């Protein structure tokens, strides 16, 4: 839906998705929506807010426990998203650029915990955890070299989970509930750079440089 006002335009996109999985007889319903605002006073900006529910049914490896037994009662993992974002279009060196920023929070339910054993991932095959993911993503994208796109991004994230039955044992043998602990995917800082260039007289020869840093 496009909603025009004197100060700008609102664009509302909404939908719903349903999925039925015969393995565990589970029906999931996932509504979601995005509202964009394009102000007339600042035509280079686009603001948006999004919310939605997302489900991810387990893959085969997530169904198997440490002994190879399949769990037919397992449920889909669930995430409720809230996102605030903005896009800014500008020109530099007579070339187009776009800056994007997003602030998000995701409430996670029915999580299937897993462990990293060297290069092997071992799943618990049960919906034992709940958690959250929160962060900020920023990206600048454009033609740093005329005719080819390059980009740089900076991401901050904190993601934790609370596993049912998890505890710490101190030196005296006392057990304390673990509470919220970092998820295996927790990476506080990520920096990514992708840069392209080409030979001016022969543009079919390109160079692509990628830099990735994560804590």
N, C-alpha and C. Protein backbone atom coordinates (compact mmCIF):
# COMPACT_ATOMS: atom_id res chain seq x y z
N UNK A 1 0.83 -1.18 0.00
CA UNK A 1 0.00 0.00 0.00
C UNK A 1 0.87 1.25 0.00
N UNK A 2 0.55 2.23 -0.86
CA UNK A 2 1.19 3.54 -0.89
C UNK A 2 0.25 4.55 -0.26
N UNK A 3 0.74 5.26 0.76
CA UNK A 3 -0.07 6.24 1.47
C UNK A 3 0.63 7.59 1.35
N UNK A 4 0.05 8.49 0.57
CA UNK A 4 0.65 9.81 0.34
C UNK A 4 0.13 10.83 1.35
N UNK A 5 1.07 11.61 1.88
CA UNK A 5 0.74 12.71 2.78
C UNK A 5 1.46 13.96 2.31
N UNK A 6 1.12 15.11 2.88
CA UNK A 6 1.74 16.36 2.46
C UNK A 6 3.24 16.37 2.73
N UNK A 7 3.66 15.70 3.77
CA UNK A 7 5.08 15.71 4.16
C UNK A 7 5.86 14.56 3.58
N UNK A 8 5.21 13.58 2.94
CA UNK A 8 5.95 12.46 2.38
C UNK A 8 5.05 11.29 2.05
N UNK A 9 5.67 10.18 1.74
CA UNK A 9 4.94 8.97 1.35
C UNK A 9 5.29 7.82 2.29
N UNK A 10 4.25 7.07 2.69
CA UNK A 10 4.42 5.84 3.44
C UNK A 10 4.17 4.66 2.50
N UNK A 11 4.99 3.65 2.61
CA UNK A 11 4.82 2.43 1.82
C UNK A 11 4.76 1.26 2.79
N UNK A 12 3.62 0.60 2.84
CA UNK A 12 3.41 -0.53 3.74
C UNK A 12 3.39 -1.83 2.95
N UNK A 13 4.23 -2.75 3.35
CA UNK A 13 4.26 -4.08 2.76
C UNK A 13 4.00 -5.10 3.87
N UNK A 14 3.01 -5.95 3.69
CA UNK A 14 2.66 -6.92 4.72
C UNK A 14 2.32 -8.25 4.07
N UNK A 15 2.52 -9.30 4.82
CA UNK A 15 2.21 -10.62 4.28
C UNK A 15 2.20 -11.66 5.38
N UNK A 16 1.86 -12.86 5.00
CA UNK A 16 1.82 -13.97 5.95
C UNK A 16 2.24 -15.23 5.23
N UNK A 17 2.97 -16.08 5.94
CA UNK A 17 3.45 -17.33 5.35
C UNK A 17 3.07 -18.47 6.28
N UNK A 18 2.59 -19.55 5.71
CA UNK A 18 2.23 -20.75 6.48
C UNK A 18 3.00 -21.94 5.94
N UNK A 19 3.35 -22.84 6.84
CA UNK A 19 4.13 -24.01 6.46
C UNK A 19 3.72 -25.19 7.32
N UNK A 20 3.49 -26.33 6.68
CA UNK A 20 3.15 -27.55 7.42
C UNK A 20 4.19 -28.61 7.13
N UNK A 21 4.70 -29.22 8.18
CA UNK A 21 5.72 -30.26 8.05
C UNK A 21 5.12 -31.58 8.55
N UNK A 22 5.08 -32.56 7.66
CA UNK A 22 4.42 -33.82 8.00
C UNK A 22 5.25 -34.66 8.98
N UNK A 23 6.54 -34.39 9.09
CA UNK A 23 7.39 -35.21 9.97
C UNK A 23 6.95 -35.09 11.43
N UNK A 24 6.75 -33.87 11.90
CA UNK A 24 6.33 -33.69 13.29
C UNK A 24 4.91 -33.13 13.41
N UNK A 25 4.21 -33.05 12.28
CA UNK A 25 2.82 -32.60 12.24
C UNK A 25 2.67 -31.18 12.79
N UNK A 26 3.61 -30.30 12.46
CA UNK A 26 3.58 -28.93 12.97
C UNK A 26 3.21 -27.95 11.88
N UNK A 27 2.25 -27.09 12.19
CA UNK A 27 1.86 -25.99 11.31
C UNK A 27 2.40 -24.69 11.89
N UNK A 28 3.16 -23.94 11.10
CA UNK A 28 3.69 -22.66 11.54
C UNK A 28 3.09 -21.54 10.69
N UNK A 29 2.78 -20.43 11.34
CA UNK A 29 2.22 -19.26 10.67
C UNK A 29 3.12 -18.08 10.99
N UNK A 30 3.60 -17.38 9.96
CA UNK A 30 4.60 -16.33 10.13
C UNK A 30 4.12 -15.03 9.49
N UNK A 31 3.52 -14.12 10.27
CA UNK A 31 3.17 -12.80 9.72
C UNK A 31 4.38 -11.87 9.76
N UNK A 32 4.41 -10.90 8.85
CA UNK A 32 5.52 -9.95 8.81
C UNK A 32 5.09 -8.70 8.05
N UNK A 33 5.73 -7.57 8.36
CA UNK A 33 5.37 -6.32 7.69
C UNK A 33 6.55 -5.36 7.75
N UNK A 34 6.57 -4.43 6.80
CA UNK A 34 7.57 -3.37 6.72
C UNK A 34 6.87 -2.07 6.35
N UNK A 35 7.21 -1.00 7.09
CA UNK A 35 6.68 0.33 6.81
C UNK A 35 7.83 1.25 6.46
N UNK A 36 7.80 1.82 5.25
CA UNK A 36 8.82 2.77 4.79
C UNK A 36 8.25 4.18 4.76
N UNK A 37 9.13 5.14 5.04
CA UNK A 37 8.73 6.55 5.00
C UNK A 37 9.75 7.32 4.18
N UNK A 38 9.24 8.03 3.14
CA UNK A 38 10.09 8.85 2.27
C UNK A 38 9.68 10.31 2.44
N UNK A 39 10.40 11.07 3.25
CA UNK A 39 10.00 12.47 3.49
C UNK A 39 10.32 13.37 2.30
N UNK A 40 9.40 14.28 2.01
CA UNK A 40 9.63 15.23 0.91
C UNK A 40 10.71 16.24 1.27
N UNK A 41 10.84 16.57 2.56
CA UNK A 41 11.84 17.55 2.98
C UNK A 41 13.25 17.00 2.90
N UNK A 42 13.40 15.67 2.88
CA UNK A 42 14.74 15.04 2.80
C UNK A 42 14.66 13.90 1.81
N UNK A 43 14.61 14.20 0.50
CA UNK A 43 14.37 13.15 -0.50
C UNK A 43 15.49 12.13 -0.61
N UNK A 44 16.67 12.43 -0.05
CA UNK A 44 17.76 11.45 -0.11
C UNK A 44 17.61 10.33 0.93
N UNK A 45 16.71 10.51 1.89
CA UNK A 45 16.55 9.56 2.99
C UNK A 45 15.33 8.67 2.78
N UNK A 46 15.45 7.43 3.24
CA UNK A 46 14.32 6.50 3.34
C UNK A 46 14.42 5.84 4.72
N UNK A 47 13.35 5.96 5.51
CA UNK A 47 13.31 5.35 6.85
C UNK A 47 12.35 4.17 6.82
N UNK A 48 12.64 3.15 7.63
CA UNK A 48 11.77 1.97 7.63
C UNK A 48 11.77 1.30 9.00
N UNK A 49 10.66 0.62 9.27
CA UNK A 49 10.50 -0.18 10.48
C UNK A 49 9.88 -1.51 10.06
N UNK A 50 10.42 -2.58 10.60
CA UNK A 50 9.95 -3.92 10.23
C UNK A 50 9.72 -4.75 11.48
N UNK A 51 8.77 -5.65 11.38
CA UNK A 51 8.51 -6.62 12.44
C UNK A 51 7.96 -7.88 11.79
N UNK A 52 8.26 -9.00 12.41
CA UNK A 52 7.77 -10.25 11.83
C UNK A 52 8.19 -11.44 12.65
N UNK A 53 7.56 -12.54 12.33
CA UNK A 53 7.88 -13.82 12.98
C UNK A 53 8.40 -14.78 11.92
N UNK A 54 9.48 -15.47 12.24
CA UNK A 54 10.11 -16.38 11.30
C UNK A 54 10.30 -17.74 11.97
N UNK A 55 10.09 -18.80 11.21
CA UNK A 55 10.27 -20.16 11.71
C UNK A 55 11.27 -20.89 10.83
N UNK A 56 12.10 -21.68 11.47
CA UNK A 56 13.04 -22.52 10.74
C UNK A 56 12.89 -23.95 11.22
N UNK A 57 12.37 -24.80 10.35
CA UNK A 57 12.23 -26.21 10.70
C UNK A 57 13.61 -26.88 10.71
N UNK A 58 13.80 -27.84 11.58
CA UNK A 58 15.13 -28.47 11.71
C UNK A 58 15.55 -29.19 10.43
N UNK A 59 16.84 -29.15 10.18
CA UNK A 59 17.43 -29.98 9.14
C UNK A 59 17.74 -31.36 9.73
N UNK A 60 18.15 -32.28 8.88
CA UNK A 60 18.34 -33.66 9.34
C UNK A 60 19.35 -33.74 10.48
N UNK A 61 20.43 -33.01 10.39
CA UNK A 61 21.46 -33.09 11.43
C UNK A 61 20.97 -32.54 12.76
N UNK A 62 20.00 -31.63 12.71
CA UNK A 62 19.44 -31.09 13.95
C UNK A 62 18.45 -32.06 14.59
N UNK A 63 17.96 -33.04 13.84
CA UNK A 63 17.06 -34.05 14.39
C UNK A 63 17.80 -35.15 15.14
N UNK A 64 19.07 -35.33 14.86
CA UNK A 64 19.85 -36.44 15.43
C UNK A 64 20.53 -36.00 16.72
N UNK A 65 20.36 -36.81 17.76
CA UNK A 65 21.07 -36.52 19.00
C UNK A 65 22.47 -37.12 18.95
N UNK A 66 23.18 -37.07 20.07
CA UNK A 66 24.56 -37.53 20.10
C UNK A 66 24.68 -39.03 19.85
N UNK A 67 23.56 -39.76 20.00
CA UNK A 67 23.58 -41.22 19.79
C UNK A 67 22.97 -41.61 18.44
N UNK A 68 22.64 -40.64 17.60
CA UNK A 68 22.10 -40.93 16.28
C UNK A 68 20.61 -41.16 16.23
N UNK A 69 19.89 -40.92 17.34
CA UNK A 69 18.45 -41.15 17.39
C UNK A 69 17.73 -39.89 16.90
N UNK A 70 16.71 -40.07 16.03
CA UNK A 70 15.94 -38.95 15.52
C UNK A 70 14.81 -38.58 16.48
N UNK A 71 14.62 -37.29 16.70
CA UNK A 71 13.58 -36.79 17.59
C UNK A 71 12.39 -36.34 16.75
N UNK A 72 11.32 -37.14 16.76
CA UNK A 72 10.12 -36.84 15.96
C UNK A 72 9.24 -35.79 16.63
N UNK A 73 9.54 -35.39 17.87
CA UNK A 73 8.73 -34.41 18.58
C UNK A 73 9.35 -33.01 18.53
N UNK A 74 10.42 -32.86 17.80
CA UNK A 74 11.11 -31.57 17.75
C UNK A 74 10.24 -30.52 17.07
N UNK A 75 10.39 -29.27 17.48
CA UNK A 75 9.60 -28.17 16.95
C UNK A 75 10.49 -27.21 16.17
N UNK A 76 9.88 -26.39 15.36
CA UNK A 76 10.62 -25.41 14.57
C UNK A 76 11.18 -24.32 15.49
N UNK A 77 12.37 -23.86 15.19
CA UNK A 77 12.93 -22.73 15.90
C UNK A 77 12.20 -21.46 15.46
N UNK A 78 12.07 -20.51 16.40
CA UNK A 78 11.24 -19.33 16.16
C UNK A 78 12.02 -18.06 16.48
N UNK A 79 11.83 -17.05 15.64
CA UNK A 79 12.47 -15.76 15.86
C UNK A 79 11.46 -14.65 15.59
N UNK A 80 11.34 -13.72 16.54
CA UNK A 80 10.49 -12.55 16.39
C UNK A 80 11.41 -11.35 16.18
N UNK A 81 11.30 -10.71 15.02
CA UNK A 81 12.23 -9.66 14.60
C UNK A 81 11.61 -8.27 14.80
N UNK A 82 12.46 -7.32 15.23
CA UNK A 82 12.13 -5.91 15.24
C UNK A 82 13.33 -5.16 14.66
N UNK A 83 13.09 -4.40 13.59
CA UNK A 83 14.20 -3.75 12.87
C UNK A 83 13.82 -2.29 12.60
N UNK A 84 14.77 -1.39 12.90
CA UNK A 84 14.67 0.02 12.51
C UNK A 84 15.83 0.31 11.58
N UNK A 85 15.55 0.93 10.42
CA UNK A 85 16.61 1.15 9.44
C UNK A 85 16.44 2.44 8.68
N UNK A 86 17.50 2.83 7.98
CA UNK A 86 17.47 4.04 7.16
C UNK A 86 18.46 3.88 6.01
N UNK A 87 18.10 4.44 4.86
CA UNK A 87 18.98 4.49 3.69
C UNK A 87 19.22 5.96 3.33
N UNK A 88 20.46 6.26 2.96
CA UNK A 88 20.80 7.62 2.55
C UNK A 88 21.53 7.55 1.22
N UNK A 89 20.98 8.17 0.19
CA UNK A 89 21.57 8.20 -1.14
C UNK A 89 22.31 9.53 -1.32
N UNK A 90 23.55 9.46 -1.78
CA UNK A 90 24.31 10.69 -1.97
C UNK A 90 25.28 10.51 -3.14
N UNK A 91 25.92 11.59 -3.51
CA UNK A 91 26.86 11.60 -4.62
C UNK A 91 28.23 12.06 -4.11
N UNK A 92 29.26 11.32 -4.48
CA UNK A 92 30.64 11.69 -4.14
C UNK A 92 31.51 11.42 -5.36
N UNK A 93 32.41 12.35 -5.66
CA UNK A 93 33.26 12.24 -6.84
C UNK A 93 32.43 12.06 -8.11
N UNK A 94 31.24 12.68 -8.12
CA UNK A 94 30.31 12.59 -9.26
C UNK A 94 29.83 11.17 -9.51
N UNK A 95 29.79 10.36 -8.45
CA UNK A 95 29.33 8.97 -8.58
C UNK A 95 28.32 8.66 -7.48
N UNK A 96 27.37 7.73 -7.74
CA UNK A 96 26.32 7.45 -6.75
C UNK A 96 26.81 6.53 -5.62
N UNK A 97 26.33 6.83 -4.40
CA UNK A 97 26.64 6.02 -3.23
C UNK A 97 25.37 5.85 -2.40
N UNK A 98 25.40 4.82 -1.57
CA UNK A 98 24.27 4.54 -0.69
C UNK A 98 24.79 4.10 0.67
N UNK A 99 24.28 4.74 1.73
CA UNK A 99 24.63 4.37 3.10
C UNK A 99 23.39 3.75 3.75
N UNK A 100 23.58 2.61 4.40
CA UNK A 100 22.48 1.88 5.03
C UNK A 100 22.84 1.60 6.49
N UNK A 101 21.88 1.78 7.38
CA UNK A 101 22.07 1.45 8.80
C UNK A 101 20.82 0.74 9.30
N UNK A 102 21.02 -0.30 10.10
CA UNK A 102 19.90 -1.05 10.66
C UNK A 102 20.20 -1.40 12.11
N UNK A 103 19.23 -1.16 12.97
CA UNK A 103 19.28 -1.54 14.37
C UNK A 103 18.23 -2.62 14.59
N UNK A 104 18.61 -3.75 15.16
CA UNK A 104 17.68 -4.88 15.23
C UNK A 104 17.72 -5.57 16.60
N UNK A 105 16.61 -6.23 16.89
CA UNK A 105 16.50 -7.12 18.05
C UNK A 105 15.68 -8.32 17.63
N UNK A 106 16.16 -9.50 17.97
CA UNK A 106 15.48 -10.74 17.60
C UNK A 106 15.30 -11.59 18.86
N UNK A 107 14.04 -11.88 19.18
CA UNK A 107 13.71 -12.74 20.32
C UNK A 107 13.60 -14.17 19.82
N UNK A 108 14.40 -15.06 20.36
CA UNK A 108 14.54 -16.42 19.85
C UNK A 108 13.91 -17.43 20.81
N UNK A 109 13.04 -18.29 20.27
CA UNK A 109 12.38 -19.33 21.07
C UNK A 109 12.60 -20.70 20.44
N UNK A 110 12.46 -21.73 21.26
CA UNK A 110 12.54 -23.13 20.81
C UNK A 110 13.88 -23.41 20.12
N UNK A 111 14.94 -22.86 20.63
CA UNK A 111 16.25 -23.06 20.01
C UNK A 111 16.76 -24.48 20.24
N UNK A 112 17.52 -24.95 19.26
CA UNK A 112 18.18 -26.27 19.35
C UNK A 112 19.67 -26.00 19.59
N UNK A 113 20.14 -26.16 20.83
CA UNK A 113 21.55 -25.86 21.10
C UNK A 113 22.47 -26.82 20.36
N UNK A 114 23.71 -26.39 20.19
CA UNK A 114 24.71 -27.24 19.54
C UNK A 114 26.09 -26.90 20.09
N UNK A 115 27.01 -27.82 19.87
CA UNK A 115 28.39 -27.64 20.30
C UNK A 115 29.30 -27.71 19.07
N UNK A 116 30.38 -26.96 19.13
CA UNK A 116 31.41 -27.01 18.09
C UNK A 116 32.55 -27.88 18.58
N UNK A 117 32.74 -29.00 17.92
CA UNK A 117 33.81 -29.94 18.24
C UNK A 117 34.81 -29.94 17.09
N UNK A 118 35.80 -29.05 17.18
CA UNK A 118 36.74 -28.83 16.08
C UNK A 118 35.95 -28.37 14.85
N UNK A 119 35.89 -29.16 13.78
CA UNK A 119 35.12 -28.77 12.60
C UNK A 119 33.75 -29.45 12.57
N UNK A 120 33.40 -30.19 13.60
CA UNK A 120 32.13 -30.90 13.65
C UNK A 120 31.14 -30.14 14.52
N UNK A 121 29.89 -30.05 14.05
CA UNK A 121 28.81 -29.46 14.82
C UNK A 121 27.93 -30.58 15.37
N UNK A 122 27.74 -30.58 16.70
CA UNK A 122 26.93 -31.62 17.34
C UNK A 122 25.70 -30.96 17.96
N UNK A 123 24.52 -31.36 17.48
CA UNK A 123 23.26 -30.79 17.93
C UNK A 123 22.67 -31.63 19.06
N UNK A 124 21.95 -30.94 19.97
CA UNK A 124 21.29 -31.63 21.08
C UNK A 124 19.99 -32.28 20.65
N UNK A 125 19.45 -31.88 19.50
CA UNK A 125 18.22 -32.47 18.94
C UNK A 125 17.01 -32.28 19.85
N UNK A 126 17.01 -31.22 20.65
CA UNK A 126 15.86 -30.86 21.48
C UNK A 126 15.75 -29.34 21.54
N UNK A 127 14.52 -28.86 21.71
CA UNK A 127 14.28 -27.42 21.85
C UNK A 127 14.52 -27.01 23.30
N UNK A 128 15.78 -26.90 23.66
CA UNK A 128 16.17 -26.70 25.05
C UNK A 128 16.46 -25.25 25.41
N UNK A 129 16.45 -24.33 24.47
CA UNK A 129 16.97 -22.99 24.77
C UNK A 129 16.06 -21.89 24.22
N UNK A 130 16.22 -20.73 24.80
CA UNK A 130 15.66 -19.49 24.28
C UNK A 130 16.75 -18.42 24.37
N UNK A 131 16.62 -17.38 23.58
CA UNK A 131 17.70 -16.39 23.59
C UNK A 131 17.32 -15.14 22.84
N UNK A 132 18.34 -14.41 22.44
CA UNK A 132 18.12 -13.16 21.71
C UNK A 132 19.35 -12.83 20.88
N UNK A 133 19.16 -11.96 19.91
CA UNK A 133 20.26 -11.39 19.13
C UNK A 133 19.94 -9.92 18.93
N UNK A 134 20.91 -9.06 19.22
CA UNK A 134 20.72 -7.62 19.08
C UNK A 134 21.97 -7.03 18.46
N UNK A 135 21.79 -6.01 17.63
CA UNK A 135 22.98 -5.45 17.01
C UNK A 135 22.70 -4.28 16.11
N UNK A 136 23.76 -3.82 15.47
CA UNK A 136 23.73 -2.69 14.56
C UNK A 136 24.56 -3.03 13.33
N UNK A 137 23.97 -2.84 12.15
CA UNK A 137 24.66 -3.06 10.88
C UNK A 137 24.73 -1.74 10.12
N UNK A 138 25.92 -1.42 9.60
CA UNK A 138 26.11 -0.23 8.78
C UNK A 138 26.89 -0.61 7.52
N UNK A 139 26.50 -0.02 6.39
CA UNK A 139 27.13 -0.37 5.12
C UNK A 139 27.12 0.82 4.19
N UNK A 140 28.23 1.02 3.50
CA UNK A 140 28.31 2.04 2.45
C UNK A 140 28.65 1.33 1.14
N UNK A 141 27.89 1.63 0.11
CA UNK A 141 27.97 0.89 -1.15
C UNK A 141 27.96 1.90 -2.29
N UNK A 142 28.86 1.70 -3.25
CA UNK A 142 28.88 2.61 -4.37
C UNK A 142 30.04 2.38 -5.30
N UNK A 143 30.26 3.32 -6.21
CA UNK A 143 31.31 3.22 -7.22
C UNK A 143 32.55 3.97 -6.75
N UNK A 144 33.33 3.33 -5.89
CA UNK A 144 34.60 3.92 -5.50
C UNK A 144 35.52 4.04 -6.72
N UNK A 145 35.39 3.07 -7.64
CA UNK A 145 36.01 3.14 -8.96
C UNK A 145 34.88 3.26 -9.97
N UNK A 146 34.93 4.21 -10.89
CA UNK A 146 33.81 4.41 -11.82
C UNK A 146 33.47 3.13 -12.59
N UNK A 147 32.19 2.76 -12.56
CA UNK A 147 31.72 1.63 -13.36
C UNK A 147 31.63 0.31 -12.64
N UNK A 148 32.20 0.18 -11.44
CA UNK A 148 32.12 -1.07 -10.69
C UNK A 148 31.75 -0.76 -9.25
N UNK A 149 31.01 -1.67 -8.63
CA UNK A 149 30.53 -1.47 -7.26
C UNK A 149 31.51 -2.04 -6.25
N UNK A 150 31.66 -1.34 -5.15
CA UNK A 150 32.43 -1.80 -4.00
C UNK A 150 31.66 -1.43 -2.75
N UNK A 151 32.03 -2.03 -1.61
CA UNK A 151 31.31 -1.70 -0.38
C UNK A 151 32.16 -1.97 0.85
N UNK A 152 31.77 -1.32 1.95
CA UNK A 152 32.38 -1.54 3.26
C UNK A 152 31.24 -1.65 4.28
N UNK A 153 31.40 -2.54 5.25
CA UNK A 153 30.36 -2.71 6.27
C UNK A 153 30.99 -2.87 7.64
N UNK A 154 30.22 -2.47 8.64
CA UNK A 154 30.61 -2.60 10.05
C UNK A 154 29.41 -3.13 10.81
N UNK A 155 29.60 -4.21 11.58
CA UNK A 155 28.51 -4.84 12.31
C UNK A 155 28.90 -5.05 13.76
N UNK A 156 27.95 -4.74 14.65
CA UNK A 156 28.08 -5.02 16.07
C UNK A 156 26.94 -5.92 16.47
N UNK A 157 27.24 -7.01 17.21
CA UNK A 157 26.19 -7.96 17.56
C UNK A 157 26.46 -8.60 18.91
N UNK A 158 25.38 -8.87 19.63
CA UNK A 158 25.43 -9.62 20.88
C UNK A 158 24.31 -10.65 20.81
N UNK A 159 24.64 -11.92 20.88
CA UNK A 159 23.62 -12.97 20.85
C UNK A 159 23.90 -13.98 21.95
N UNK A 160 22.87 -14.28 22.74
CA UNK A 160 23.02 -15.17 23.89
C UNK A 160 21.82 -16.10 23.96
N UNK A 161 21.99 -17.17 24.71
CA UNK A 161 20.93 -18.15 24.89
C UNK A 161 20.94 -18.68 26.32
N UNK A 162 19.78 -19.13 26.75
CA UNK A 162 19.61 -19.74 28.07
C UNK A 162 19.15 -21.17 27.86
N UNK A 163 20.01 -22.12 28.18
CA UNK A 163 19.75 -23.53 27.92
C UNK A 163 19.14 -24.16 29.18
N UNK A 164 18.00 -24.80 29.01
CA UNK A 164 17.34 -25.45 30.13
C UNK A 164 18.20 -26.58 30.69
N UNK A 165 18.47 -26.53 31.98
CA UNK A 165 19.27 -27.57 32.64
C UNK A 165 20.76 -27.32 32.63
N UNK A 166 21.22 -26.25 31.96
CA UNK A 166 22.66 -25.96 31.93
C UNK A 166 23.08 -25.32 33.25
N UNK A 167 24.27 -25.68 33.73
CA UNK A 167 24.77 -25.16 35.00
C UNK A 167 26.28 -25.13 35.00
N UNK A 168 26.83 -24.35 35.93
CA UNK A 168 28.26 -24.32 36.19
C UNK A 168 28.54 -25.10 37.47
N UNK A 169 29.70 -25.71 37.54
CA UNK A 169 30.15 -26.41 38.74
C UNK A 169 31.42 -25.74 39.24
N UNK A 170 31.39 -25.24 40.49
CA UNK A 170 32.58 -24.56 41.02
C UNK A 170 33.56 -25.57 41.59
N UNK A 171 34.64 -25.06 42.17
CA UNK A 171 35.71 -25.93 42.67
C UNK A 171 35.26 -26.79 43.84
N UNK A 172 34.18 -26.40 44.53
CA UNK A 172 33.68 -27.17 45.66
C UNK A 172 32.56 -28.12 45.26
N UNK A 173 32.27 -28.18 43.97
CA UNK A 173 31.23 -29.10 43.49
C UNK A 173 29.83 -28.54 43.51
N UNK A 174 29.67 -27.27 43.84
CA UNK A 174 28.35 -26.65 43.85
C UNK A 174 27.91 -26.31 42.43
N UNK A 175 26.64 -26.55 42.15
CA UNK A 175 26.09 -26.28 40.82
C UNK A 175 25.29 -24.97 40.83
N UNK A 176 25.57 -24.12 39.85
CA UNK A 176 24.89 -22.84 39.70
C UNK A 176 24.29 -22.77 38.31
N UNK A 177 23.01 -22.37 38.18
CA UNK A 177 22.42 -22.23 36.83
C UNK A 177 23.25 -21.30 35.96
N UNK A 178 23.43 -21.70 34.71
CA UNK A 178 24.31 -20.95 33.81
C UNK A 178 23.71 -19.62 33.38
N UNK A 179 22.36 -19.53 33.33
CA UNK A 179 21.75 -18.29 32.85
C UNK A 179 22.02 -18.08 31.37
N UNK A 180 22.07 -16.82 30.95
CA UNK A 180 22.33 -16.51 29.55
C UNK A 180 23.83 -16.58 29.27
N UNK A 181 24.18 -17.36 28.26
CA UNK A 181 25.58 -17.53 27.86
C UNK A 181 25.71 -17.18 26.38
N UNK A 182 26.88 -16.75 25.90
CA UNK A 182 27.05 -16.43 24.48
C UNK A 182 26.75 -17.64 23.59
N UNK A 183 26.05 -17.41 22.48
CA UNK A 183 25.82 -18.47 21.51
C UNK A 183 27.11 -18.72 20.73
N UNK A 184 27.26 -19.89 20.13
CA UNK A 184 28.49 -20.15 19.34
C UNK A 184 28.70 -19.16 18.21
N UNK A 185 27.62 -18.54 17.72
CA UNK A 185 27.74 -17.58 16.62
C UNK A 185 27.99 -16.16 17.11
N UNK A 186 28.16 -15.96 18.41
CA UNK A 186 28.34 -14.62 18.96
C UNK A 186 29.65 -14.02 18.46
N UNK A 187 29.55 -12.94 17.70
CA UNK A 187 30.72 -12.20 17.21
C UNK A 187 30.44 -10.73 17.42
N UNK A 188 31.17 -10.12 18.36
CA UNK A 188 30.84 -8.76 18.76
C UNK A 188 31.10 -7.75 17.65
N UNK A 189 32.18 -7.91 16.90
CA UNK A 189 32.56 -6.93 15.89
C UNK A 189 32.90 -7.64 14.59
N UNK A 190 32.37 -7.13 13.49
CA UNK A 190 32.70 -7.63 12.16
C UNK A 190 32.92 -6.45 11.22
N UNK A 191 34.02 -6.51 10.47
CA UNK A 191 34.33 -5.49 9.47
C UNK A 191 34.56 -6.21 8.14
N UNK A 192 33.87 -5.76 7.10
CA UNK A 192 34.00 -6.37 5.77
C UNK A 192 34.25 -5.28 4.74
N UNK A 193 35.21 -5.53 3.86
CA UNK A 193 35.51 -4.62 2.76
C UNK A 193 35.59 -5.43 1.47
N UNK A 194 34.88 -4.99 0.47
CA UNK A 194 34.94 -5.62 -0.86
C UNK A 194 35.22 -4.52 -1.87
N UNK A 195 36.36 -4.60 -2.54
CA UNK A 195 36.80 -3.53 -3.44
C UNK A 195 37.10 -4.13 -4.81
N UNK A 196 36.63 -3.44 -5.86
CA UNK A 196 36.85 -3.90 -7.24
C UNK A 196 37.54 -2.81 -8.06
N UNK A 197 38.35 -3.26 -9.00
CA UNK A 197 39.00 -2.35 -9.95
C UNK A 197 39.19 -3.12 -11.24
N UNK A 198 39.54 -2.41 -12.32
CA UNK A 198 39.74 -3.06 -13.62
C UNK A 198 40.76 -2.26 -14.42
N UNK A 199 41.27 -2.90 -15.46
CA UNK A 199 42.21 -2.22 -16.35
C UNK A 199 41.44 -1.26 -17.23
N UNK A 200 41.81 0.01 -17.25
CA UNK A 200 41.03 1.01 -18.00
C UNK A 200 40.88 0.67 -19.48
N UNK A 201 41.91 0.12 -20.10
CA UNK A 201 41.84 -0.16 -21.53
C UNK A 201 41.30 -1.55 -21.84
N UNK A 202 41.13 -2.35 -20.82
CA UNK A 202 40.58 -3.68 -21.01
C UNK A 202 39.75 -4.05 -19.77
N UNK A 203 38.51 -3.56 -19.67
CA UNK A 203 37.71 -3.74 -18.46
C UNK A 203 37.33 -5.19 -18.16
N UNK A 204 37.56 -6.11 -19.11
CA UNK A 204 37.25 -7.51 -18.82
C UNK A 204 38.23 -8.11 -17.81
N UNK A 205 39.37 -7.44 -17.56
CA UNK A 205 40.32 -7.88 -16.55
C UNK A 205 40.05 -7.08 -15.27
N UNK A 206 39.54 -7.79 -14.25
CA UNK A 206 39.16 -7.16 -12.99
C UNK A 206 39.98 -7.71 -11.83
N UNK A 207 40.11 -6.89 -10.81
CA UNK A 207 40.72 -7.31 -9.55
C UNK A 207 39.69 -7.12 -8.44
N UNK A 208 39.50 -8.14 -7.62
CA UNK A 208 38.59 -8.08 -6.50
C UNK A 208 39.35 -8.35 -5.21
N UNK A 209 39.24 -7.44 -4.28
CA UNK A 209 39.95 -7.55 -3.01
C UNK A 209 38.92 -7.62 -1.88
N UNK A 210 39.02 -8.66 -1.08
CA UNK A 210 38.08 -8.83 0.04
C UNK A 210 38.85 -8.85 1.36
N UNK A 211 38.34 -8.13 2.35
CA UNK A 211 38.94 -8.11 3.67
C UNK A 211 37.85 -8.38 4.70
N UNK A 212 38.09 -9.33 5.59
CA UNK A 212 37.11 -9.70 6.61
C UNK A 212 37.83 -9.77 7.95
N UNK A 213 37.27 -9.08 8.94
CA UNK A 213 37.81 -9.11 10.30
C UNK A 213 36.65 -9.33 11.28
N UNK A 214 36.80 -10.28 12.16
CA UNK A 214 35.77 -10.55 13.16
C UNK A 214 36.39 -10.90 14.49
N UNK A 215 35.80 -10.38 15.56
CA UNK A 215 36.30 -10.71 16.90
C UNK A 215 35.61 -11.96 17.42
